[in-house]
Protein backbone atom coordinates (compact mmCIF):
# COMPACT_ATOMS: atom_id res chain seq x y z
CA MET A 1 90.09 89.51 114.47
CA LYS A 2 89.55 88.40 110.95
CA VAL A 3 92.09 89.82 108.54
CA PHE A 4 92.18 89.59 104.78
CA ALA A 5 94.87 90.71 102.32
CA MET A 6 93.27 92.17 99.19
CA ILE A 7 95.35 93.00 96.15
CA PRO A 8 93.82 95.51 93.65
CA ALA A 9 95.07 94.62 90.20
CA ARG A 10 94.29 96.82 87.22
CA TYR A 11 95.85 95.87 83.84
CA GLY A 12 96.05 99.37 82.41
CA ALA A 13 98.45 101.21 84.77
CA SER A 14 99.12 104.72 83.45
CA ARG A 15 102.90 104.74 83.83
CA PHE A 16 103.52 101.09 82.81
CA PRO A 17 100.53 99.33 81.18
CA GLY A 18 100.43 95.57 81.62
CA LYS A 19 103.22 95.73 84.37
CA LEU A 20 101.40 93.09 86.54
CA MET A 21 101.65 90.56 83.78
CA GLN A 22 105.36 91.11 83.13
CA ASP A 23 107.60 88.10 83.83
CA LEU A 24 109.54 88.07 87.07
CA GLY A 25 111.54 84.91 87.60
CA GLY A 26 109.23 82.75 85.48
CA LYS A 27 105.87 84.08 86.82
CA PRO A 28 103.84 87.26 86.30
CA VAL A 29 104.41 90.06 88.80
CA ILE A 30 100.91 89.78 90.16
CA VAL A 31 101.33 86.09 90.89
CA ARG A 32 104.65 86.85 92.76
CA THR A 33 102.78 89.51 94.78
CA TYR A 34 100.00 87.10 95.60
CA GLU A 35 102.42 84.34 96.66
CA ALA A 36 104.41 86.79 98.72
CA ALA A 37 101.32 87.99 100.58
CA ALA A 38 100.00 84.46 101.20
CA GLY A 39 103.49 83.34 102.29
CA THR A 40 103.53 85.71 105.27
CA GLY A 41 100.95 83.51 107.08
CA LEU A 42 99.26 86.63 108.51
CA PHE A 43 95.96 86.51 106.71
CA ASP A 44 92.82 84.43 106.81
CA ARG A 45 92.35 84.96 103.02
CA VAL A 46 94.45 86.56 100.28
CA ILE A 47 92.31 87.83 97.34
CA VAL A 48 93.24 89.58 94.15
CA VAL A 49 90.52 92.00 92.97
CA THR A 50 90.74 92.75 89.28
CA ASP A 51 88.73 93.72 86.23
CA SER A 52 91.18 91.91 83.88
CA SER A 53 90.47 88.44 82.56
CA GLU A 54 94.12 87.98 81.85
CA ILE A 55 95.20 88.75 85.44
CA ALA A 56 92.33 86.65 86.84
CA GLU A 57 93.37 83.59 84.86
CA ALA A 58 96.97 84.03 85.89
CA VAL A 59 96.17 84.20 89.50
CA THR A 60 93.66 81.30 89.59
CA GLY A 61 96.02 79.22 87.41
CA ALA A 62 98.56 79.57 90.25
CA GLY A 63 95.97 78.47 92.74
CA GLY A 64 95.01 81.95 93.98
CA GLU A 65 91.68 83.46 94.87
CA VAL A 66 90.13 86.24 92.65
CA ILE A 67 87.15 88.53 92.92
CA ARG A 68 86.22 90.15 89.66
CA SER A 69 85.53 93.87 89.86
CA ARG A 70 82.40 94.90 88.08
CA GLU A 71 82.73 98.68 88.20
CA THR A 72 85.12 101.40 86.97
CA HIS A 73 87.13 102.79 89.88
CA GLU A 74 89.29 105.89 90.41
CA THR A 75 91.58 104.10 93.08
CA GLY A 76 92.58 100.72 94.28
CA SER A 77 90.74 101.41 97.63
CA ASP A 78 87.46 102.09 95.70
CA ARG A 79 87.95 98.73 93.90
CA LEU A 80 88.47 96.86 97.21
CA ALA A 81 85.41 98.56 98.81
CA GLU A 82 83.28 97.04 96.08
CA ALA A 83 84.78 93.59 96.67
CA VAL A 84 84.70 93.61 100.44
CA ALA A 85 81.09 94.88 100.80
CA GLY A 86 79.60 91.40 101.18
CA LEU A 87 82.54 89.78 103.13
CA GLU A 88 82.69 89.06 106.82
CA VAL A 89 86.05 90.66 107.80
CA ASP A 90 87.37 93.03 110.47
CA VAL A 91 90.58 94.44 108.88
CA VAL A 92 91.45 94.61 105.20
CA VAL A 93 95.08 95.08 104.17
CA ASN A 94 95.50 96.63 100.74
CA VAL A 95 98.60 95.10 99.21
CA GLN A 96 99.72 96.74 95.98
CA GLY A 97 99.87 94.37 93.06
CA ASP A 98 103.16 95.75 91.97
CA GLU A 99 105.02 94.85 95.16
CA PRO A 100 106.32 91.31 94.69
CA PHE A 101 108.81 91.75 97.58
CA THR A 102 106.01 92.10 100.07
CA GLU A 103 107.25 90.53 103.36
CA ARG A 104 105.98 89.52 106.81
CA GLU A 105 107.91 91.90 109.11
CA SER A 106 106.40 95.13 107.84
CA LEU A 107 102.83 93.73 107.53
CA ALA A 108 103.03 92.32 111.06
CA LYS A 109 103.89 95.83 112.39
CA LEU A 110 100.93 97.30 110.51
CA LEU A 111 98.58 94.66 111.91
CA ASP A 112 99.92 95.29 115.40
CA VAL A 113 98.26 98.74 115.33
CA PHE A 114 94.85 97.04 115.34
CA HIS A 115 95.86 94.29 117.90
CA GLN A 116 96.92 97.05 120.26
CA ASP A 117 93.72 99.07 119.65
CA PRO A 118 90.87 97.09 121.26
CA GLU A 119 88.60 100.15 121.48
CA GLY A 120 88.73 100.59 117.69
CA VAL A 121 90.05 104.15 117.73
CA VAL A 122 92.33 103.66 114.67
CA ASP A 123 90.39 103.25 111.46
CA LEU A 124 93.38 103.26 109.02
CA ALA A 125 97.12 102.53 109.17
CA SER A 126 99.84 102.59 106.55
CA LEU A 127 103.63 102.14 106.05
CA MET A 128 106.44 104.53 105.54
CA THR A 129 110.21 104.14 105.22
CA GLU A 130 112.99 106.74 105.58
CA ILE A 131 114.65 107.82 102.28
CA THR A 132 117.94 109.60 101.81
CA ASP A 133 118.65 109.43 98.09
CA PRO A 134 118.17 112.92 96.63
CA GLU A 135 116.74 111.37 93.48
CA ASP A 136 114.10 109.52 95.43
CA ILE A 137 113.23 112.59 97.42
CA ALA A 138 112.82 114.69 94.23
CA ASN A 139 110.95 111.97 92.23
CA PRO A 140 107.24 112.75 91.96
CA ASN A 141 106.59 108.95 91.68
CA THR A 142 107.90 108.66 95.27
CA VAL A 143 105.08 109.84 97.52
CA LYS A 144 106.33 111.52 100.68
CA VAL A 145 104.61 111.75 104.04
CA ILE A 146 104.99 113.99 107.10
CA THR A 147 103.57 113.06 110.50
CA ASP A 148 102.72 114.56 113.92
CA ARG A 149 104.44 113.49 117.14
CA GLN A 150 102.05 110.62 117.61
CA GLY A 151 102.83 109.27 114.11
CA PHE A 152 99.57 110.30 112.42
CA ALA A 153 99.95 111.62 108.84
CA LEU A 154 99.75 115.40 108.40
CA TYR A 155 100.09 115.33 104.62
CA PHE A 156 101.23 113.32 101.68
CA SER A 157 102.82 114.81 98.62
CA ARG A 158 104.71 114.05 95.43
CA ALA A 159 106.76 117.10 96.11
CA PRO A 160 109.76 116.89 98.59
CA ILE A 161 108.25 117.60 102.03
CA PRO A 162 109.42 119.06 104.40
CA TYR A 163 111.13 121.76 102.41
CA GLN A 164 114.80 122.19 103.38
CA ARG A 165 114.71 125.99 104.05
CA ALA A 166 118.01 126.30 105.95
CA GLU A 167 121.20 124.12 106.28
CA GLN A 168 120.22 123.05 109.74
CA PRO A 169 118.45 121.13 111.06
CA LYS A 170 118.62 118.51 108.32
CA ALA A 171 115.16 117.36 107.04
CA VAL A 172 114.26 113.72 107.42
CA TYR A 173 112.21 112.33 104.54
CA TYR A 174 109.76 109.45 104.58
CA LYS A 175 108.44 107.56 101.54
CA HIS A 176 104.81 106.40 101.82
CA LYS A 177 104.62 102.75 100.87
CA GLY A 178 101.17 102.24 99.35
CA VAL A 179 100.13 99.52 101.75
CA TYR A 180 97.07 100.35 103.84
CA ALA A 181 95.19 98.45 106.54
CA PHE A 182 91.55 99.51 106.98
CA ARG A 183 88.89 98.49 109.43
CA LYS A 184 86.14 97.41 107.11
CA ARG A 185 83.90 100.35 108.03
CA ALA A 186 86.61 102.75 107.04
CA LEU A 187 87.11 101.17 103.65
CA MET A 188 83.38 101.35 103.04
CA ASP A 189 83.37 105.04 104.08
CA PHE A 190 86.22 105.65 101.62
CA ARG A 191 84.01 104.56 98.69
CA ASN A 192 81.26 107.01 99.63
CA LEU A 193 83.47 110.06 100.08
CA PRO A 194 83.72 112.11 96.90
CA ILE A 195 87.15 113.08 95.74
CA GLN A 196 88.22 116.54 97.01
CA PRO A 197 90.68 119.14 95.45
CA LEU A 198 93.99 118.13 97.03
CA GLU A 199 93.59 114.39 96.13
CA ALA A 200 92.63 115.49 92.63
CA VAL A 201 95.70 117.56 92.28
CA GLU A 202 98.27 115.16 93.78
CA LYS A 203 96.56 111.94 92.64
CA ILE A 204 97.21 110.26 96.06
CA GLU A 205 94.17 108.50 97.48
CA ALA A 206 95.27 108.68 101.14
CA ILE A 207 94.74 112.47 100.94
CA ARG A 208 91.05 111.90 100.70
CA TYR A 209 90.96 110.80 104.37
CA LEU A 210 92.98 113.77 105.52
CA GLU A 211 90.62 116.15 103.65
CA TYR A 212 87.65 114.71 105.49
CA GLY A 213 89.38 115.03 108.84
CA ARG A 214 90.21 111.40 109.33
CA LYS A 215 93.45 110.11 110.89
CA ILE A 216 96.00 107.72 109.34
CA LYS A 217 98.47 106.03 111.67
CA MET A 218 101.82 105.71 109.97
CA VAL A 219 104.06 102.76 110.87
CA GLN A 220 107.81 103.02 110.11
CA THR A 221 109.57 100.10 108.50
CA ASP A 222 113.19 99.68 107.43
CA VAL A 223 112.20 97.30 104.61
CA THR A 224 112.19 99.22 101.26
CA GLY A 225 111.53 96.52 98.66
CA ILE A 226 110.99 97.39 95.02
CA GLU A 227 107.79 98.77 93.69
CA ILE A 228 107.38 98.21 89.92
CA ASP A 229 106.13 101.53 88.56
CA THR A 230 108.40 101.70 85.46
CA PRO A 231 110.22 99.34 83.09
CA GLU A 232 113.42 100.35 84.91
CA ASP A 233 111.89 99.23 88.10
CA LEU A 234 111.07 95.82 86.62
CA GLU A 235 114.75 95.40 85.53
CA ARG A 236 115.86 96.17 89.12
CA ALA A 237 113.29 93.67 90.44
CA LYS A 238 114.62 91.02 88.06
CA ALA A 239 118.16 91.63 89.17
CA ALA A 240 117.14 91.48 92.89
CA TRP A 241 115.08 88.25 92.28
CA THR A 242 117.99 86.24 90.99
């Protein structure tokens, strides 16, 4: 099974423009993320996909591989679908460019879904981690996910789900980590599926699959890391890096 890690990297992030080029321990965030993904040793190739000359130059200057995106895209998965169309690959792991603490353990669990699925039943898998901090649970920047008994996603939301209606039983909350593993055919399908109302409202690309009746296998990990969505996140990352 040929597996690539692909890192969508857009310069103009809405909440923190230019965040991928911010310094983290002497290198840009995107370079740190590239190096972390490559350092896991799990992938045949690690590729940054970007429409930004500045990001491309930073990654290639650090010895990384880049594919320049030629189109305007609504989501990172759309950007990857353009890049992967002509590549010979079985599984594509979408590593978010703002996750410089990407590590081997979680990604290996994600890839195990496909290694244990020789019939090719699962098209898409993603990561989740339990959260207990009330601020994280209420934070709309923290995407929550609920699953069925087999671990397939039922819904993703920026709102706290499930809703704690009574004192007991205590709700368990899971944060969706924006790392996806696609079979190539599923990623290409994503590009051809128009955005539907729930995705448009929540601005969560994984919902598109659910709205079209597809299944997403969720894999729990205890590794939280730090996703750099805001300047405050960057400061936390800098503190953790040292």
